[in-house]
C-alpha atoms as a PDB file:
ATOM      1  CA  MET A   1      63.357  32.774  11.958  1.00  0.00           C
ATOM      2  CA  ARG A   2      60.600  30.691  13.322  1.00  0.00           C
ATOM      3  CA  ASP A   3      58.389  28.155  11.607  1.00  0.00           C
ATOM      4  CA  ARG A   4      55.070  30.057  11.331  1.00  0.00           C
ATOM      5  CA  HIS A   5      53.325  27.965   8.728  1.00  0.00           C
ATOM      6  CA  ARG A   6      54.901  24.563   9.375  1.00  0.00           C
ATOM      7  CA  ARG A   7      57.172  24.771   6.327  1.00  0.00           C
ATOM      8  CA  GLY A   8      60.416  24.172   8.226  1.00  0.00           C
ATOM      9  CA  MET A   9      63.073  26.534   9.401  1.00  0.00           C
ATOM     10  CA  ARG A  10      63.786  29.384   6.990  1.00  0.00           C
ATOM     11  CA  GLY A  11      66.888  30.864   8.575  1.00  0.00           C
ATOM     12  CA  MET A  12      69.103  31.048  11.608  1.00  0.00           C
ATOM     13  CA  LEU A  13      67.685  30.773  15.091  1.00  0.00           C
ATOM     14  CA  ALA A  14      69.993  33.537  16.282  1.00  0.00           C
ATOM     15  CA  PRO A  15      72.195  35.982  14.397  1.00  0.00           C
ATOM     16  CA  PRO A  16      75.973  35.491  14.482  1.00  0.00           C
ATOM     17  CA  ASN A  17      77.974  37.307  17.136  1.00  0.00           C
ATOM     18  CA  CYS A  18      77.502  40.990  16.392  1.00  0.00           C
ATOM     19  CA  ALA A  19      81.034  41.885  17.551  1.00  0.00           C
ATOM     20  CA  ALA A  20      82.969  39.444  15.400  1.00  0.00           C
ATOM     21  CA  GLY A  21      80.421  38.131  12.931  1.00  0.00           C
ATOM     22  CA  GLN A  22      81.179  34.585  13.991  1.00  0.00           C
ATOM     23  CA  MET A  23      81.196  32.436  17.088  1.00  0.00           C
ATOM     24  CA  LEU A  24      83.784  33.352  19.677  1.00  0.00           C
ATOM     25  CA  ARG A  25      86.194  30.583  20.503  1.00  0.00           C
ATOM     26  CA  LEU A  26      87.727  29.999  23.909  1.00  0.00           C
ATOM     27  CA  ARG A  27      91.389  30.868  24.187  1.00  0.00           C
ATOM     28  CA  ARG A  28      92.367  27.277  24.952  1.00  0.00           C
ATOM     29  CA  PRO A  29      90.830  24.323  26.738  1.00  0.00           C
ATOM     30  CA  THR A  30      91.502  23.891  30.420  1.00  0.00           C
ATOM     31  CA  LEU A  31      94.213  21.393  31.177  1.00  0.00           C
ATOM     32  CA  PRO A  32      93.228  18.302  33.107  1.00  0.00           C
ATOM     33  CA  THR A  33      93.476  18.576  36.875  1.00  0.00           C
ATOM     34  CA  ALA A  34      95.567  15.416  37.111  1.00  0.00           C
ATOM     35  CA  PHE A  35      98.317  16.979  34.976  1.00  0.00           C
ATOM     36  CA  PHE A  36      98.389  20.067  37.200  1.00  0.00           C
ATOM     37  CA  PHE A  37      98.714  17.955  40.351  1.00  0.00           C
ATOM     38  CA  GLN A  38     101.461  15.900  38.698  1.00  0.00           C
ATOM     39  CA  CYS A  39     103.353  19.120  37.933  1.00  0.00           C
ATOM     40  CA  VAL A  40     103.010  20.239  41.561  1.00  0.00           C
ATOM     41  CA  SER A  41     104.235  16.840  42.724  1.00  0.00           C
ATOM     42  CA  ASP A  42     107.222  17.015  40.355  1.00  0.00           C
ATOM     43  CA  ALA A  43     108.109  20.511  41.585  1.00  0.00           C
ATOM     44  CA  ILE A  44     107.945  19.373  45.205  1.00  0.00           C
ATOM     45  CA  GLY A  45     110.164  16.421  44.311  1.00  0.00           C
ATOM     46  CA  ALA A  46     112.727  18.680  42.636  1.00  0.00           C
ATOM     47  CA  ILE A  47     112.844  21.014  45.646  1.00  0.00           C
ATOM     48  CA  ASP A  48     113.083  18.049  48.020  1.00  0.00           C
ATOM     49  CA  GLU A  49     115.940  16.604  45.970  1.00  0.00           C
ATOM     50  CA  ALA A  50     117.859  19.899  46.058  1.00  0.00           C
ATOM     51  CA  VAL A  51     117.310  20.605  49.782  1.00  0.00           C
ATOM     52  CA  PRO A  52     115.841  17.590  51.611  1.00  0.00           C
ATOM     53  CA  ASP A  53     115.047  19.463  54.847  1.00  0.00           C
ATOM     54  CA  ALA A  54     113.340  22.463  53.220  1.00  0.00           C
ATOM     55  CA  LEU A  55     109.849  20.952  53.098  1.00  0.00           C
ATOM     56  CA  THR A  56     109.792  19.106  56.430  1.00  0.00           C
ATOM     57  CA  HIS A  57     107.719  21.704  58.301  1.00  0.00           C
ATOM     58  CA  LEU A  58     105.499  22.873  55.440  1.00  0.00           C
ATOM     59  CA  ASP A  59     101.986  22.071  54.293  1.00  0.00           C
ATOM     60  CA  ILE A  60     101.568  22.532  50.539  1.00  0.00           C
ATOM     61  CA  GLY A  61      98.117  22.653  48.998  1.00  0.00           C
ATOM     62  CA  VAL A  62      96.302  23.604  45.808  1.00  0.00           C
ATOM     63  CA  GLU A  63      93.222  25.796  45.469  1.00  0.00           C
ATOM     64  CA  GLU A  64      91.332  26.747  42.335  1.00  0.00           C
ATOM     65  CA  VAL A  65      91.452  30.522  42.804  1.00  0.00           C
ATOM     66  CA  PRO A  66      92.608  32.964  45.498  1.00  0.00           C
ATOM     67  CA  ASP A  67      90.161  34.137  48.133  1.00  0.00           C
ATOM     68  CA  VAL A  68      88.330  37.176  46.739  1.00  0.00           C
ATOM     69  CA  SER A  69      87.949  38.748  50.161  1.00  0.00           C
ATOM     70  CA  ALA A  70      91.732  39.069  50.510  1.00  0.00           C
ATOM     71  CA  LEU A  71      93.124  42.361  49.305  1.00  0.00           C
ATOM     72  CA  TRP A  72      95.665  41.743  46.588  1.00  0.00           C
ATOM     73  CA  SER A  73      97.633  44.392  44.763  1.00  0.00           C
ATOM     74  CA  SER A  74      97.154  44.995  41.058  1.00  0.00           C
ATOM     75  CA  HIS A  75      98.077  41.407  40.115  1.00  0.00           C
ATOM     76  CA  MET A  76      96.560  38.012  40.778  1.00  0.00           C
ATOM     77  CA  PRO A  77      98.867  35.802  42.870  1.00  0.00           C
ATOM     78  CA  LEU A  78     100.060  32.431  41.580  1.00  0.00           C
ATOM     79  CA  ALA A  79     100.758  31.155  45.084  1.00  0.00           C
ATOM     80  CA  ALA A  80     100.672  32.375  48.671  1.00  0.00           C
ATOM     81  CA  ALA A  81     102.588  31.552  51.831  1.00  0.00           C
ATOM     82  CA  ILE A  82     101.297  31.652  55.391  1.00  0.00           C
ATOM     83  CA  ASP A  83     103.844  31.657  58.183  1.00  0.00           C
ATOM     84  CA  ALA A  84     103.725  29.087  60.955  1.00  0.00           C
ATOM     85  CA  ASP A  85     102.150  29.857  64.312  1.00  0.00           C
ATOM     86  CA  ASP A  86     101.726  27.927  67.555  1.00  0.00           C
ATOM     87  CA  SER A  87      98.988  25.649  66.248  1.00  0.00           C
ATOM     88  CA  HIS A  88      99.782  25.314  62.510  1.00  0.00           C
ATOM     89  CA  LEU A  89     102.710  24.520  60.274  1.00  0.00           C
ATOM     90  CA  ALA A  90     103.714  27.025  57.614  1.00  0.00           C
ATOM     91  CA  GLN A  91     101.470  26.686  54.575  1.00  0.00           C
ATOM     92  CA  ILE A  92     101.959  27.263  50.874  1.00  0.00           C
ATOM     93  CA  VAL A  93      98.946  27.438  48.580  1.00  0.00           C
ATOM     94  CA  VAL A  94      99.285  27.167  44.804  1.00  0.00           C
ATOM     95  CA  TYR A  95      96.399  28.668  42.821  1.00  0.00           C
ATOM     96  CA  ARG A  96      95.502  26.494  39.842  1.00  0.00           C
ATOM     97  CA  ARG A  97      93.446  28.800  37.595  1.00  0.00           C
ATOM     98  CA  PRO A  98      95.793  31.835  37.605  1.00  0.00           C
ATOM     99  CA  ILE A  99      98.766  29.614  36.755  1.00  0.00           C
ATOM    100  CA  GLU A 100      96.874  27.798  33.988  1.00  0.00           C
ATOM    101  CA  PHE A 101      95.699  31.113  32.579  1.00  0.00           C
ATOM    102  CA  ARG A 102      99.273  32.425  32.299  1.00  0.00           C
ATOM    103  CA  ALA A 103     100.768  29.238  30.840  1.00  0.00           C
ATOM    104  CA  SER A 104     100.591  28.838  27.085  1.00  0.00           C
ATOM    105  CA  SER A 105     101.982  25.292  27.013  1.00  0.00           C
ATOM    106  CA  GLN A 106     102.453  22.331  29.302  1.00  0.00           C
ATOM    107  CA  SER A 107     106.186  23.003  29.648  1.00  0.00           C
ATOM    108  CA  GLN A 108     105.495  26.597  30.633  1.00  0.00           C
ATOM    109  CA  LEU A 109     102.903  25.361  33.151  1.00  0.00           C
ATOM    110  CA  ARG A 110     105.530  23.118  34.738  1.00  0.00           C
ATOM    111  CA  GLN A 111     107.972  26.003  34.930  1.00  0.00           C
ATOM    112  CA  LEU A 112     105.437  28.444  36.418  1.00  0.00           C
ATOM    113  CA  ILE A 113     104.453  25.965  39.119  1.00  0.00           C
ATOM    114  CA  PHE A 114     108.095  25.342  39.972  1.00  0.00           C
ATOM    115  CA  VAL A 115     108.928  29.062  40.100  1.00  0.00           C
ATOM    116  CA  ALA A 116     105.905  29.810  42.291  1.00  0.00           C
ATOM    117  CA  LEU A 117     106.768  27.019  44.724  1.00  0.00           C
ATOM    118  CA  VAL A 118     110.456  27.938  44.899  1.00  0.00           C
ATOM    119  CA  GLU A 119     109.662  31.572  45.655  1.00  0.00           C
ATOM    120  CA  GLN A 120     107.134  30.699  48.355  1.00  0.00           C
ATOM    121  CA  VAL A 121     109.373  28.084  49.993  1.00  0.00           C
ATOM    122  CA  SER A 122     112.172  30.632  49.957  1.00  0.00           C
ATOM    123  CA  SER A 123     110.014  33.253  51.661  1.00  0.00           C
ATOM    124  CA  VAL A 124     108.812  30.835  54.370  1.00  0.00           C
ATOM    125  CA  THR A 125     112.075  29.044  55.118  1.00  0.00           C
ATOM    126  CA  GLY A 126     114.550  31.859  54.547  1.00  0.00           C
ATOM    127  CA  LEU A 127     116.602  29.739  52.132  1.00  0.00           C
ATOM    128  CA  SER A 128     117.826  31.478  49.010  1.00  0.00           C
ATOM    129  CA  VAL A 129     116.186  30.795  45.661  1.00  0.00           C
ATOM    130  CA  ALA A 130     119.556  29.666  44.255  1.00  0.00           C
ATOM    131  CA  THR A 131     119.804  27.049  47.022  1.00  0.00           C
ATOM    132  CA  LEU A 132     116.341  25.667  46.244  1.00  0.00           C
ATOM    133  CA  ASP A 133     116.968  25.689  42.476  1.00  0.00           C
ATOM    134  CA  PRO A 134     120.657  24.774  41.995  1.00  0.00           C
ATOM    135  CA  THR A 135     120.185  23.598  38.397  1.00  0.00           C
ATOM    136  CA  ASN A 136     118.496  26.903  37.484  1.00  0.00           C
ATOM    137  CA  ILE A 137     115.295  25.354  36.140  1.00  0.00           C
ATOM    138  CA  ARG A 138     113.695  28.789  36.454  1.00  0.00           C
ATOM    139  CA  GLY A 139     115.856  29.997  33.576  1.00  0.00           C
ATOM    140  CA  GLU A 140     117.240  33.098  35.270  1.00  0.00           C
END
């Protein structure tokens, strides 16, 4: 209600959310970017430790979200791989927001990043997933 006669506010400025009757809360706060990049760095280190030559001819990068102009199937990708050509090395792109959205904890975020990187490195290099993850961090 507004203050028509200068007697102060008499009620709420806006009614509560009509759907829930209260304010809607976000699912969870976004994790800091530095933690995400540290997880990517740790995953790269683990792959490099398992197979030192696997990452020599790869560029690995992070983007916030996938390109909307690309046609994806019914799911949002966590990472993408682009094969090498004459002028570029093979590239792997990890998408930050889709991975953060799927992870419910920091340990699950670490695992999702590792799984996404292992699968993409496997598809680009032709190495098996078991070779890239000999300690079975993926939990399979």
